[in-house]
Amino acid sequence: MCDIVQGFVQEGRDQEKAELIRKMLDTKFATEQQIADLLKISVKEVKKIAAKVPVEV
């Protein structure tokens, strides 16, 4: 049961992270490279995460 709850919590965190990355990119608050450096992940991973969230118009 605990594993199921942890899975839901992690999924929620991943979604929040994706939304934050998308907002940072949409508002030009940070570049893909800056976000990658901040999160210590690759630019490719930043693009992959951001692609999960629709672009706001």
PDB file of N, CA and C in Angstrom:
ATOM      1  N   MET A   1       0.825  -1.186   0.000  1.00  0.00           N
ATOM      2  CA  MET A   1       0.000   0.000   0.000  1.00  0.00           C
ATOM      3  C   MET A   1       0.870   1.250   0.000  1.00  0.00           C
ATOM      4  N   CYS A   2       1.926   1.235   0.793  1.00  0.00           N
ATOM      5  CA  CYS A   2       2.833   2.377   0.895  1.00  0.00           C
ATOM      6  C   CYS A   2       3.479   2.681  -0.457  1.00  0.00           C
ATOM      7  N   ASP A   3       3.827   1.636  -1.216  1.00  0.00           N
ATOM      8  CA  ASP A   3       4.427   1.828  -2.531  1.00  0.00           C
ATOM      9  C   ASP A   3       3.467   2.525  -3.481  1.00  0.00           C
ATOM     10  N   ILE A   4       2.197   2.203  -3.383  1.00  0.00           N
ATOM     11  CA  ILE A   4       1.181   2.834  -4.237  1.00  0.00           C
ATOM     12  C   ILE A   4       1.086   4.319  -3.921  1.00  0.00           C
ATOM     13  N   VAL A   5       1.040   4.655  -2.647  1.00  0.00           N
ATOM     14  CA  VAL A   5       0.961   6.057  -2.228  1.00  0.00           C
ATOM     15  C   VAL A   5       2.210   6.808  -2.679  1.00  0.00           C
ATOM     16  N   GLN A   6       3.375   6.209  -2.489  1.00  0.00           N
ATOM     17  CA  GLN A   6       4.617   6.848  -2.916  1.00  0.00           C
ATOM     18  C   GLN A   6       4.633   7.066  -4.421  1.00  0.00           C
ATOM     19  N   GLY A   7       4.065   6.142  -5.169  1.00  0.00           N
ATOM     20  CA  GLY A   7       3.967   6.286  -6.621  1.00  0.00           C
ATOM     21  C   GLY A   7       3.119   7.471  -7.009  1.00  0.00           C
ATOM     22  N   PHE A   8       1.981   7.647  -6.327  1.00  0.00           N
ATOM     23  CA  PHE A   8       1.119   8.791  -6.601  1.00  0.00           C
ATOM     24  C   PHE A   8       1.801  10.100  -6.239  1.00  0.00           C
ATOM     25  N   VAL A   9       2.500  10.117  -5.120  1.00  0.00           N
ATOM     26  CA  VAL A   9       3.217  11.320  -4.690  1.00  0.00           C
ATOM     27  C   VAL A   9       4.294  11.670  -5.704  1.00  0.00           C
ATOM     28  N   GLN A  10       5.063  10.685  -6.139  1.00  0.00           N
ATOM     29  CA  GLN A  10       6.130  10.936  -7.113  1.00  0.00           C
ATOM     30  C   GLN A  10       5.549  11.420  -8.431  1.00  0.00           C
ATOM     31  N   GLU A  11       4.437  10.824  -8.854  1.00  0.00           N
ATOM     32  CA  GLU A  11       3.802  11.233 -10.104  1.00  0.00           C
ATOM     33  C   GLU A  11       3.353  12.691 -10.014  1.00  0.00           C
ATOM     34  N   GLY A  12       2.818  13.080  -8.875  1.00  0.00           N
ATOM     35  CA  GLY A  12       2.403  14.460  -8.668  1.00  0.00           C
ATOM     36  C   GLY A  12       3.583  15.413  -8.715  1.00  0.00           C
ATOM     37  N   ARG A  13       4.694  15.014  -8.118  1.00  0.00           N
ATOM     38  CA  ARG A  13       5.907  15.846  -8.141  1.00  0.00           C
ATOM     39  C   ARG A  13       6.435  15.988  -9.561  1.00  0.00           C
ATOM     40  N   ASP A  14       6.415  14.906 -10.313  1.00  0.00           N
ATOM     41  CA  ASP A  14       6.891  14.955 -11.692  1.00  0.00           C
ATOM     42  C   ASP A  14       6.036  15.909 -12.521  1.00  0.00           C
ATOM     43  N   GLN A  15       4.725  15.881 -12.308  1.00  0.00           N
ATOM     44  CA  GLN A  15       3.826  16.765 -13.046  1.00  0.00           C
ATOM     45  C   GLN A  15       4.075  18.219 -12.662  1.00  0.00           C
ATOM     46  N   GLU A  16       4.267  18.488 -11.380  1.00  0.00           N
ATOM     47  CA  GLU A  16       4.548  19.855 -10.925  1.00  0.00           C
ATOM     48  C   GLU A  16       5.872  20.345 -11.507  1.00  0.00           C
ATOM     49  N   LYS A  17       6.855  19.474 -11.550  1.00  0.00           N
ATOM     50  CA  LYS A  17       8.163  19.814 -12.112  1.00  0.00           C
ATOM     51  C   LYS A  17       8.015  20.154 -13.598  1.00  0.00           C
ATOM     52  N   ALA A  18       7.256  19.349 -14.324  1.00  0.00           N
ATOM     53  CA  ALA A  18       7.042  19.591 -15.746  1.00  0.00           C
ATOM     54  C   ALA A  18       6.321  20.919 -15.970  1.00  0.00           C
ATOM     55  N   GLU A  19       5.321  21.203 -15.155  1.00  0.00           N
ATOM     56  CA  GLU A  19       4.589  22.467 -15.290  1.00  0.00           C
ATOM     57  C   GLU A  19       5.488  23.657 -14.990  1.00  0.00           C
ATOM     58  N   LEU A  20       6.333  23.541 -13.984  1.00  0.00           N
ATOM     59  CA  LEU A  20       7.249  24.623 -13.640  1.00  0.00           C
ATOM     60  C   LEU A  20       8.250  24.866 -14.773  1.00  0.00           C
ATOM     61  N   ILE A  21       8.802  23.802 -15.329  1.00  0.00           N
ATOM     62  CA  ILE A  21       9.739  23.945 -16.449  1.00  0.00           C
ATOM     63  C   ILE A  21       9.049  24.611 -17.624  1.00  0.00           C
ATOM     64  N   ARG A  22       7.834  24.173 -17.945  1.00  0.00           N
ATOM     65  CA  ARG A  22       7.098  24.753 -19.066  1.00  0.00           C
ATOM     66  C   ARG A  22       6.857  26.251 -18.830  1.00  0.00           C
ATOM     67  N   LYS A  23       6.453  26.636 -17.623  1.00  0.00           N
ATOM     68  CA  LYS A  23       6.205  28.046 -17.310  1.00  0.00           C
ATOM     69  C   LYS A  23       7.483  28.871 -17.418  1.00  0.00           C
ATOM     70  N   MET A  24       8.596  28.313 -16.951  1.00  0.00           N
ATOM     71  CA  MET A  24       9.867  29.022 -17.037  1.00  0.00           C
ATOM     72  C   MET A  24      10.260  29.255 -18.493  1.00  0.00           C
ATOM     73  N   LEU A  25      10.013  28.283 -19.340  1.00  0.00           N
ATOM     74  CA  LEU A  25      10.330  28.421 -20.753  1.00  0.00           C
ATOM     75  C   LEU A  25       9.364  29.379 -21.447  1.00  0.00           C
ATOM     76  N   ASP A  26       8.064  29.254 -21.164  1.00  0.00           N
ATOM     77  CA  ASP A  26       7.053  30.090 -21.807  1.00  0.00           C
ATOM     78  C   ASP A  26       7.241  31.573 -21.489  1.00  0.00           C
ATOM     79  N   THR A  27       7.638  31.861 -20.257  1.00  0.00           N
ATOM     80  CA  THR A  27       7.812  33.256 -19.845  1.00  0.00           C
ATOM     81  C   THR A  27       9.227  33.757 -20.106  1.00  0.00           C
ATOM     82  N   LYS A  28      10.039  32.894 -20.687  1.00  0.00           N
ATOM     83  CA  LYS A  28      11.439  33.211 -20.961  1.00  0.00           C
ATOM     84  C   LYS A  28      12.192  33.603 -19.685  1.00  0.00           C
ATOM     85  N   PHE A  29      11.760  33.010 -18.562  1.00  0.00           N
ATOM     86  CA  PHE A  29      12.421  33.219 -17.277  1.00  0.00           C
ATOM     87  C   PHE A  29      13.808  32.592 -17.283  1.00  0.00           C
ATOM     88  N   ALA A  30      13.921  31.465 -17.988  1.00  0.00           N
ATOM     89  CA  ALA A  30      15.200  30.758 -18.076  1.00  0.00           C
ATOM     90  C   ALA A  30      15.249  29.993 -19.391  1.00  0.00           C
ATOM     91  N   THR A  31      16.460  29.776 -19.861  1.00  0.00           N
ATOM     92  CA  THR A  31      16.645  28.987 -21.072  1.00  0.00           C
ATOM     93  C   THR A  31      16.664  27.497 -20.715  1.00  0.00           C
ATOM     94  N   GLU A  32      16.557  26.666 -21.734  1.00  0.00           N
ATOM     95  CA  GLU A  32      16.644  25.221 -21.508  1.00  0.00           C
ATOM     96  C   GLU A  32      17.965  24.863 -20.841  1.00  0.00           C
ATOM     97  N   GLN A  33      19.041  25.506 -21.279  1.00  0.00           N
ATOM     98  CA  GLN A  33      20.354  25.228 -20.705  1.00  0.00           C
ATOM     99  C   GLN A  33      20.417  25.643 -19.237  1.00  0.00           C
ATOM    100  N   GLN A  34      19.860  26.803 -18.899  1.00  0.00           N
ATOM    101  CA  GLN A  34      19.863  27.262 -17.515  1.00  0.00           C
ATOM    102  C   GLN A  34      19.065  26.319 -16.617  1.00  0.00           C
ATOM    103  N   ILE A  35      17.918  25.860 -17.107  1.00  0.00           N
ATOM    104  CA  ILE A  35      17.097  24.929 -16.341  1.00  0.00           C
ATOM    105  C   ILE A  35      17.843  23.611 -16.156  1.00  0.00           C
ATOM    106  N   ALA A  36      18.468  23.138 -17.215  1.00  0.00           N
ATOM    107  CA  ALA A  36      19.236  21.886 -17.135  1.00  0.00           C
ATOM    108  C   ALA A  36      20.357  22.012 -16.104  1.00  0.00           C
ATOM    109  N   ASP A  37      21.050  23.135 -16.132  1.00  0.00           N
ATOM    110  CA  ASP A  37      22.134  23.348 -15.166  1.00  0.00           C
ATOM    111  C   ASP A  37      21.589  23.393 -13.740  1.00  0.00           C
ATOM    112  N   LEU A  38      20.476  24.084 -13.561  1.00  0.00           N
ATOM    113  CA  LEU A  38      19.872  24.217 -12.238  1.00  0.00           C
ATOM    114  C   LEU A  38      19.444  22.859 -11.677  1.00  0.00           C
ATOM    115  N   LEU A  39      18.823  22.039 -12.526  1.00  0.00           N
ATOM    116  CA  LEU A  39      18.308  20.739 -12.093  1.00  0.00           C
ATOM    117  C   LEU A  39      19.331  19.608 -12.221  1.00  0.00           C
ATOM    118  N   LYS A  40      20.483  19.949 -12.790  1.00  0.00           N
ATOM    119  CA  LYS A  40      21.544  18.951 -12.999  1.00  0.00           C
ATOM    120  C   LYS A  40      21.057  17.777 -13.860  1.00  0.00           C
ATOM    121  N   ILE A  41      20.380  18.150 -14.952  1.00  0.00           N
ATOM    122  CA  ILE A  41      19.927  17.178 -15.939  1.00  0.00           C
ATOM    123  C   ILE A  41      20.324  17.698 -17.320  1.00  0.00           C
ATOM    124  N   SER A  42      20.147  16.881 -18.337  1.00  0.00           N
ATOM    125  CA  SER A  42      20.521  17.296 -19.686  1.00  0.00           C
ATOM    126  C   SER A  42      19.442  18.185 -20.304  1.00  0.00           C
ATOM    127  N   VAL A  43      19.843  18.953 -21.305  1.00  0.00           N
ATOM    128  CA  VAL A  43      18.886  19.779 -22.044  1.00  0.00           C
ATOM    129  C   VAL A  43      17.849  18.871 -22.706  1.00  0.00           C
ATOM    130  N   LYS A  44      18.290  17.726 -23.168  1.00  0.00           N
ATOM    131  CA  LYS A  44      17.378  16.754 -23.785  1.00  0.00           C
ATOM    132  C   LYS A  44      16.284  16.346 -22.797  1.00  0.00           C
ATOM    133  N   GLU A  45      16.660  16.124 -21.545  1.00  0.00           N
ATOM    134  CA  GLU A  45      15.695  15.754 -20.510  1.00  0.00           C
ATOM    135  C   GLU A  45      14.743  16.916 -20.220  1.00  0.00           C
ATOM    136  N   VAL A  46      15.255  18.153 -20.207  1.00  0.00           N
ATOM    137  CA  VAL A  46      14.401  19.335 -20.006  1.00  0.00           C
ATOM    138  C   VAL A  46      13.345  19.393 -21.104  1.00  0.00           C
ATOM    139  N   LYS A  47      13.760  19.202 -22.344  1.00  0.00           N
ATOM    140  CA  LYS A  47      12.820  19.227 -23.469  1.00  0.00           C
ATOM    141  C   LYS A  47      11.783  18.118 -23.339  1.00  0.00           C
ATOM    142  N   LYS A  48      12.225  16.944 -22.934  1.00  0.00           N
ATOM    143  CA  LYS A  48      11.329  15.796 -22.777  1.00  0.00           C
ATOM    144  C   LYS A  48      10.281  16.082 -21.698  1.00  0.00           C
ATOM    145  N   ILE A  49      10.728  16.628 -20.569  1.00  0.00           N
ATOM    146  CA  ILE A  49       9.813  16.946 -19.467  1.00  0.00           C
ATOM    147  C   ILE A  49       8.844  18.044 -19.892  1.00  0.00           C
ATOM    148  N   ALA A  50       9.350  19.083 -20.529  1.00  0.00           N
ATOM    149  CA  ALA A  50       8.503  20.215 -20.935  1.00  0.00           C
ATOM    150  C   ALA A  50       7.464  19.791 -21.972  1.00  0.00           C
ATOM    151  N   ALA A  51       7.781  18.809 -22.774  1.00  0.00           N
ATOM    152  CA  ALA A  51       6.863  18.338 -23.816  1.00  0.00           C
ATOM    153  C   ALA A  51       5.616  17.684 -23.230  1.00  0.00           C
ATOM    154  N   LYS A  52       5.684  17.294 -21.952  1.00  0.00           N
ATOM    155  CA  LYS A  52       4.545  16.646 -21.312  1.00  0.00           C
ATOM    156  C   LYS A  52       3.434  17.643 -20.975  1.00  0.00           C
ATOM    157  N   VAL A  53       3.754  18.938 -21.002  1.00  0.00           N
ATOM    158  CA  VAL A  53       2.803  19.970 -20.604  1.00  0.00           C
ATOM    159  C   VAL A  53       2.492  20.826 -21.826  1.00  0.00           C
ATOM    160  N   PRO A  54       1.213  21.092 -22.108  1.00  0.00           N
ATOM    161  CA  PRO A  54       0.874  21.921 -23.258  1.00  0.00           C
ATOM    162  C   PRO A  54       1.389  23.344 -23.103  1.00  0.00           C
ATOM    163  N   VAL A  55       1.724  23.960 -24.212  1.00  0.00           N
ATOM    164  CA  VAL A  55       2.214  25.340 -24.234  1.00  0.00           C
ATOM    165  C   VAL A  55       1.033  26.264 -23.926  1.00  0.00           C
ATOM    166  N   GLU A  56       1.268  27.232 -23.025  1.00  0.00           N
ATOM    167  CA  GLU A  56       0.221  28.208 -22.709  1.00  0.00           C
ATOM    168  C   GLU A  56       0.297  29.342 -23.723  1.00  0.00           C
ATOM    169  N   VAL A  57      -0.866  29.798 -24.149  1.00  0.00           N
ATOM    170  CA  VAL A  57      -0.920  30.889 -25.126  1.00  0.00           C
ATOM    171  C   VAL A  57      -1.433  32.141 -24.486  1.00  0.00           C
TER     172      VAL A  57
END
